[in-house]
Amino acid sequence: MKGEADYFLPGSWNAVCYRCGAKRKAGELKRQWQGYYVCPEHWEPRHPQDFVRSAPDNPSVPWAQDEQWTFGGPAVLLCTVPGKSAIPSLMMPGCSTPGVTKTDIYV
């Protein structure tokens, strides 16, 4: 059975609308921004909101300091004898030695 698009047109061919499935000549269909070919009735322009770009974000700080300072000068970490152990309740960060469980071996 032949339809409306089944006729000879030099340089054209039959094609199907992506939205409604209607058979038309290829020259009648329009390409949408997604890449599909549709009838002129189903063609939609791309939404302008798709082209909105935000301002670039700069998360860096304006300046930074290397050492931690206290009122008397640079912070000094004093390691105590119990703080050098690996026992969780006695150890001090930066002072403990892995594997040490006795606190009396350091003099």
N, C-alpha and C. Protein backbone atom coordinates (compact mmCIF):
# COMPACT_ATOMS: atom_id res chain seq x y z
N MET A 1 0.82 -1.17 0.00
CA MET A 1 0.00 0.00 0.00
C MET A 1 0.88 1.25 0.00
N LYS A 2 0.50 2.22 -0.78
CA LYS A 2 1.31 3.43 -0.88
C LYS A 2 0.68 4.55 -0.07
N GLY A 3 1.56 5.37 0.55
CA GLY A 3 1.10 6.50 1.34
C GLY A 3 1.41 7.81 0.65
N GLU A 4 1.28 8.90 1.42
CA GLU A 4 1.50 10.24 0.87
C GLU A 4 2.95 10.46 0.45
N ALA A 5 3.91 9.84 1.16
CA ALA A 5 5.32 10.06 0.87
C ALA A 5 5.84 9.12 -0.21
N ASP A 6 5.02 8.22 -0.70
CA ASP A 6 5.47 7.26 -1.69
C ASP A 6 5.30 7.81 -3.11
N TYR A 7 6.17 8.71 -3.45
CA TYR A 7 6.21 9.23 -4.81
C TYR A 7 7.66 9.52 -5.13
N PHE A 8 7.95 9.66 -6.41
CA PHE A 8 9.33 9.87 -6.84
C PHE A 8 9.68 11.36 -6.79
N LEU A 9 10.77 11.65 -6.12
CA LEU A 9 11.30 13.01 -6.07
C LEU A 9 12.81 12.88 -6.27
N PRO A 10 13.35 13.42 -7.36
CA PRO A 10 14.77 13.25 -7.63
C PRO A 10 15.63 13.80 -6.49
N GLY A 11 16.59 12.99 -6.02
CA GLY A 11 17.52 13.40 -4.97
C GLY A 11 16.97 13.27 -3.57
N SER A 12 15.81 12.70 -3.39
CA SER A 12 15.22 12.55 -2.05
C SER A 12 14.84 11.10 -1.82
N TRP A 13 14.50 10.78 -0.63
CA TRP A 13 14.11 9.42 -0.26
C TRP A 13 13.11 9.49 0.87
N ASN A 14 12.52 8.36 1.18
CA ASN A 14 11.55 8.30 2.26
C ASN A 14 12.28 8.19 3.60
N ALA A 15 11.76 8.86 4.61
CA ALA A 15 12.33 8.81 5.96
C ALA A 15 11.18 8.84 6.96
N VAL A 16 11.49 8.47 8.19
CA VAL A 16 10.47 8.37 9.23
C VAL A 16 10.78 9.39 10.33
N CYS A 17 9.74 10.09 10.80
CA CYS A 17 9.88 11.04 11.91
C CYS A 17 10.22 10.26 13.18
N TYR A 18 11.20 10.75 13.93
CA TYR A 18 11.62 10.07 15.17
C TYR A 18 10.53 10.12 16.24
N ARG A 19 9.73 11.17 16.27
CA ARG A 19 8.71 11.34 17.30
C ARG A 19 7.42 10.58 16.99
N CYS A 20 6.84 10.82 15.82
CA CYS A 20 5.52 10.25 15.54
C CYS A 20 5.55 9.04 14.63
N GLY A 21 6.66 8.81 13.93
CA GLY A 21 6.76 7.65 13.06
C GLY A 21 6.12 7.84 11.70
N ALA A 22 5.74 9.06 11.37
CA ALA A 22 5.12 9.33 10.07
C ALA A 22 6.17 9.27 8.96
N LYS A 23 5.79 8.68 7.83
CA LYS A 23 6.69 8.60 6.69
C LYS A 23 6.59 9.89 5.90
N ARG A 24 7.76 10.48 5.63
CA ARG A 24 7.82 11.72 4.85
C ARG A 24 9.04 11.65 3.95
N LYS A 25 9.17 12.63 3.09
CA LYS A 25 10.39 12.75 2.29
C LYS A 25 11.48 13.34 3.18
N ALA A 26 12.72 12.94 2.94
CA ALA A 26 13.83 13.35 3.80
C ALA A 26 14.01 14.86 3.83
N GLY A 27 13.70 15.53 2.72
CA GLY A 27 13.84 16.98 2.67
C GLY A 27 12.84 17.72 3.53
N GLU A 28 11.76 17.07 3.94
CA GLU A 28 10.75 17.72 4.78
C GLU A 28 11.10 17.66 6.26
N LEU A 29 11.92 16.70 6.67
CA LEU A 29 12.25 16.55 8.09
C LEU A 29 13.32 17.54 8.50
N LYS A 30 13.27 17.93 9.75
CA LYS A 30 14.26 18.87 10.30
C LYS A 30 15.06 18.17 11.38
N ARG A 31 16.32 18.51 11.47
CA ARG A 31 17.20 17.90 12.48
C ARG A 31 17.11 18.67 13.79
N GLN A 32 16.82 17.95 14.88
CA GLN A 32 16.78 18.57 16.21
C GLN A 32 18.19 18.63 16.79
N TRP A 33 18.35 19.34 17.91
CA TRP A 33 19.67 19.50 18.53
C TRP A 33 20.19 18.19 19.11
N GLN A 34 19.32 17.20 19.35
CA GLN A 34 19.78 15.89 19.83
C GLN A 34 20.31 15.03 18.68
N GLY A 35 20.07 15.45 17.46
CA GLY A 35 20.54 14.71 16.30
C GLY A 35 19.47 13.91 15.59
N TYR A 36 18.23 13.92 16.08
CA TYR A 36 17.13 13.17 15.46
C TYR A 36 16.44 14.03 14.41
N TYR A 37 15.91 13.34 13.39
CA TYR A 37 15.14 14.03 12.35
C TYR A 37 13.66 13.87 12.66
N VAL A 38 12.95 15.00 12.69
CA VAL A 38 11.53 15.01 13.06
C VAL A 38 10.74 15.85 12.06
N CYS A 39 9.41 15.71 12.13
CA CYS A 39 8.51 16.54 11.32
C CYS A 39 8.66 18.01 11.74
N PRO A 40 8.33 18.94 10.87
CA PRO A 40 8.37 20.35 11.27
C PRO A 40 7.45 20.64 12.45
N GLU A 41 6.36 19.88 12.61
CA GLU A 41 5.45 20.10 13.73
C GLU A 41 6.06 19.68 15.07
N HIS A 42 6.99 18.74 15.04
CA HIS A 42 7.60 18.23 16.27
C HIS A 42 8.96 18.84 16.58
N TRP A 43 9.45 19.68 15.69
CA TRP A 43 10.77 20.28 15.91
C TRP A 43 10.72 21.28 17.05
N GLU A 44 11.71 21.22 17.95
CA GLU A 44 11.82 22.15 19.08
C GLU A 44 13.24 22.71 19.12
N PRO A 45 13.37 24.01 19.35
CA PRO A 45 14.73 24.55 19.50
C PRO A 45 15.31 24.14 20.85
N ARG A 46 16.61 24.19 20.96
CA ARG A 46 17.26 23.88 22.22
C ARG A 46 16.94 24.98 23.24
N HIS A 47 16.74 24.57 24.48
CA HIS A 47 16.36 25.52 25.52
C HIS A 47 17.54 26.46 25.83
N PRO A 48 17.30 27.77 25.96
CA PRO A 48 18.40 28.72 26.24
C PRO A 48 19.12 28.44 27.55
N GLN A 49 18.44 27.80 28.50
CA GLN A 49 19.06 27.51 29.79
C GLN A 49 20.21 26.51 29.65
N ASP A 50 20.23 25.74 28.55
CA ASP A 50 21.33 24.79 28.31
C ASP A 50 22.65 25.51 28.05
N PHE A 51 22.59 26.77 27.67
CA PHE A 51 23.80 27.51 27.32
C PHE A 51 24.32 28.38 28.46
N VAL A 52 23.66 28.37 29.61
CA VAL A 52 24.08 29.18 30.74
C VAL A 52 25.33 28.56 31.37
N ARG A 53 26.34 29.37 31.62
CA ARG A 53 27.58 28.90 32.25
C ARG A 53 27.77 29.69 33.54
N SER A 54 28.23 29.01 34.56
CA SER A 54 28.45 29.69 35.84
C SER A 54 29.82 30.35 35.86
N ALA A 55 29.99 31.24 36.81
CA ALA A 55 31.29 31.89 36.98
C ALA A 55 32.28 30.88 37.54
N PRO A 56 33.54 30.93 37.14
CA PRO A 56 34.52 29.98 37.66
C PRO A 56 34.72 30.15 39.16
N ASP A 57 34.86 29.03 39.84
CA ASP A 57 35.03 29.03 41.28
C ASP A 57 36.52 28.94 41.62
N ASN A 58 36.99 29.79 42.52
CA ASN A 58 38.39 29.77 42.94
C ASN A 58 38.42 29.43 44.43
N PRO A 59 38.63 28.15 44.78
CA PRO A 59 38.59 27.76 46.19
C PRO A 59 39.88 28.01 46.96
N SER A 60 40.90 28.56 46.32
CA SER A 60 42.17 28.76 47.02
C SER A 60 42.07 29.90 48.03
N VAL A 61 42.89 29.83 49.05
CA VAL A 61 42.92 30.87 50.08
C VAL A 61 43.84 31.99 49.64
N PRO A 62 43.63 33.22 50.11
CA PRO A 62 44.47 34.33 49.67
C PRO A 62 45.92 34.20 50.15
N TRP A 63 46.13 33.63 51.33
CA TRP A 63 47.48 33.40 51.82
C TRP A 63 47.45 32.25 52.82
N ALA A 64 48.62 31.63 53.06
CA ALA A 64 48.72 30.51 53.99
C ALA A 64 50.03 30.62 54.76
N GLN A 65 50.08 29.97 55.88
CA GLN A 65 51.23 30.03 56.77
C GLN A 65 51.77 28.61 56.96
N ASP A 66 53.10 28.45 57.00
CA ASP A 66 53.70 27.12 57.10
C ASP A 66 53.70 26.60 58.53
N GLU A 67 54.17 27.39 59.47
CA GLU A 67 54.31 26.92 60.84
C GLU A 67 53.14 27.35 61.71
N GLN A 68 52.91 26.56 62.76
CA GLN A 68 51.89 26.92 63.73
C GLN A 68 52.57 27.75 64.81
N TRP A 69 52.06 28.94 65.03
CA TRP A 69 52.68 29.85 66.00
C TRP A 69 51.79 29.98 67.23
N THR A 70 52.47 30.08 68.40
CA THR A 70 51.77 30.38 69.65
C THR A 70 52.25 31.73 70.13
N PHE A 71 51.86 32.14 71.31
CA PHE A 71 52.26 33.45 71.82
C PHE A 71 53.76 33.55 72.03
N GLY A 72 54.42 32.46 72.38
CA GLY A 72 55.85 32.51 72.67
C GLY A 72 56.74 32.17 71.50
N GLY A 73 56.20 31.89 70.36
CA GLY A 73 56.99 31.49 69.20
C GLY A 73 56.40 30.23 68.60
N PRO A 74 57.20 29.47 67.84
CA PRO A 74 56.66 28.27 67.22
C PRO A 74 56.26 27.25 68.27
N ALA A 75 55.22 26.51 67.98
CA ALA A 75 54.74 25.49 68.92
C ALA A 75 55.77 24.37 69.01
N VAL A 76 56.08 23.98 70.22
CA VAL A 76 57.06 22.92 70.46
C VAL A 76 56.31 21.75 71.07
N LEU A 77 56.48 20.59 70.48
CA LEU A 77 55.84 19.38 70.97
C LEU A 77 56.80 18.71 71.94
N LEU A 78 56.41 18.59 73.19
CA LEU A 78 57.24 17.95 74.21
C LEU A 78 56.76 16.52 74.38
N CYS A 79 57.63 15.57 74.07
CA CYS A 79 57.29 14.16 74.21
C CYS A 79 57.65 13.70 75.61
N THR A 80 56.68 13.10 76.28
CA THR A 80 56.92 12.54 77.60
C THR A 80 57.22 11.06 77.47
N VAL A 81 57.72 10.45 78.56
CA VAL A 81 58.05 9.03 78.54
C VAL A 81 56.79 8.20 78.27
N PRO A 82 55.67 8.41 78.97
CA PRO A 82 54.49 7.63 78.63
C PRO A 82 53.96 7.95 77.23
N GLY A 83 54.19 9.15 76.74
CA GLY A 83 53.70 9.54 75.43
C GLY A 83 54.40 8.84 74.29
N LYS A 84 55.60 8.27 74.53
CA LYS A 84 56.33 7.56 73.50
C LYS A 84 55.86 6.12 73.32
N SER A 85 55.00 5.64 74.22
CA SER A 85 54.52 4.27 74.10
C SER A 85 53.46 4.17 73.02
N ALA A 86 53.14 2.94 72.63
CA ALA A 86 52.12 2.69 71.64
C ALA A 86 50.79 2.33 72.28
N ILE A 87 50.66 2.51 73.57
CA ILE A 87 49.42 2.23 74.28
C ILE A 87 48.46 3.38 73.98
N PRO A 88 47.27 3.07 73.47
CA PRO A 88 46.37 4.13 73.00
C PRO A 88 46.03 5.18 74.05
N SER A 89 45.88 4.81 75.29
CA SER A 89 45.48 5.80 76.28
C SER A 89 46.65 6.67 76.75
N LEU A 90 47.88 6.26 76.47
CA LEU A 90 49.05 7.01 76.93
C LEU A 90 49.78 7.73 75.80
N MET A 91 49.69 7.25 74.59
CA MET A 91 50.50 7.78 73.49
C MET A 91 50.13 9.22 73.14
N MET A 92 51.11 9.92 72.56
CA MET A 92 50.92 11.29 72.08
C MET A 92 51.17 11.30 70.57
N PRO A 93 50.38 12.01 69.81
CA PRO A 93 50.60 12.06 68.36
C PRO A 93 51.98 12.63 68.05
N GLY A 94 52.70 11.97 67.17
CA GLY A 94 54.02 12.42 66.78
C GLY A 94 55.13 11.93 67.70
N CYS A 95 54.78 11.35 68.83
CA CYS A 95 55.79 10.89 69.79
C CYS A 95 55.83 9.37 69.91
N SER A 96 54.71 8.70 69.70
CA SER A 96 54.65 7.27 69.94
C SER A 96 55.48 6.49 68.94
N THR A 97 56.00 5.37 69.41
CA THR A 97 56.80 4.48 68.58
C THR A 97 56.04 3.17 68.44
N PRO A 98 55.77 2.71 67.23
CA PRO A 98 55.02 1.47 67.06
C PRO A 98 55.76 0.29 67.71
N GLY A 99 55.01 -0.55 68.38
CA GLY A 99 55.58 -1.75 68.98
C GLY A 99 56.02 -1.57 70.42
N VAL A 100 56.13 -0.35 70.91
CA VAL A 100 56.56 -0.10 72.27
C VAL A 100 55.34 -0.15 73.17
N THR A 101 55.32 -1.10 74.13
CA THR A 101 54.19 -1.22 75.03
C THR A 101 54.58 -0.93 76.46
N LYS A 102 55.88 -0.82 76.75
CA LYS A 102 56.32 -0.50 78.11
C LYS A 102 56.78 0.95 78.11
N THR A 103 56.45 1.65 79.16
CA THR A 103 56.81 3.06 79.22
C THR A 103 58.08 3.32 80.01
N ASP A 104 58.65 2.29 80.64
CA ASP A 104 59.82 2.51 81.47
C ASP A 104 61.13 2.26 80.74
N ILE A 105 61.14 1.94 79.43
CA ILE A 105 62.40 1.66 78.76
C ILE A 105 63.10 2.94 78.28
N TYR A 106 62.36 4.04 78.20
CA TYR A 106 62.97 5.31 77.81
C TYR A 106 63.44 6.05 79.05
N VAL A 107 64.66 6.43 79.05
CA VAL A 107 65.20 7.15 80.19
C VAL A 107 65.52 8.57 79.80
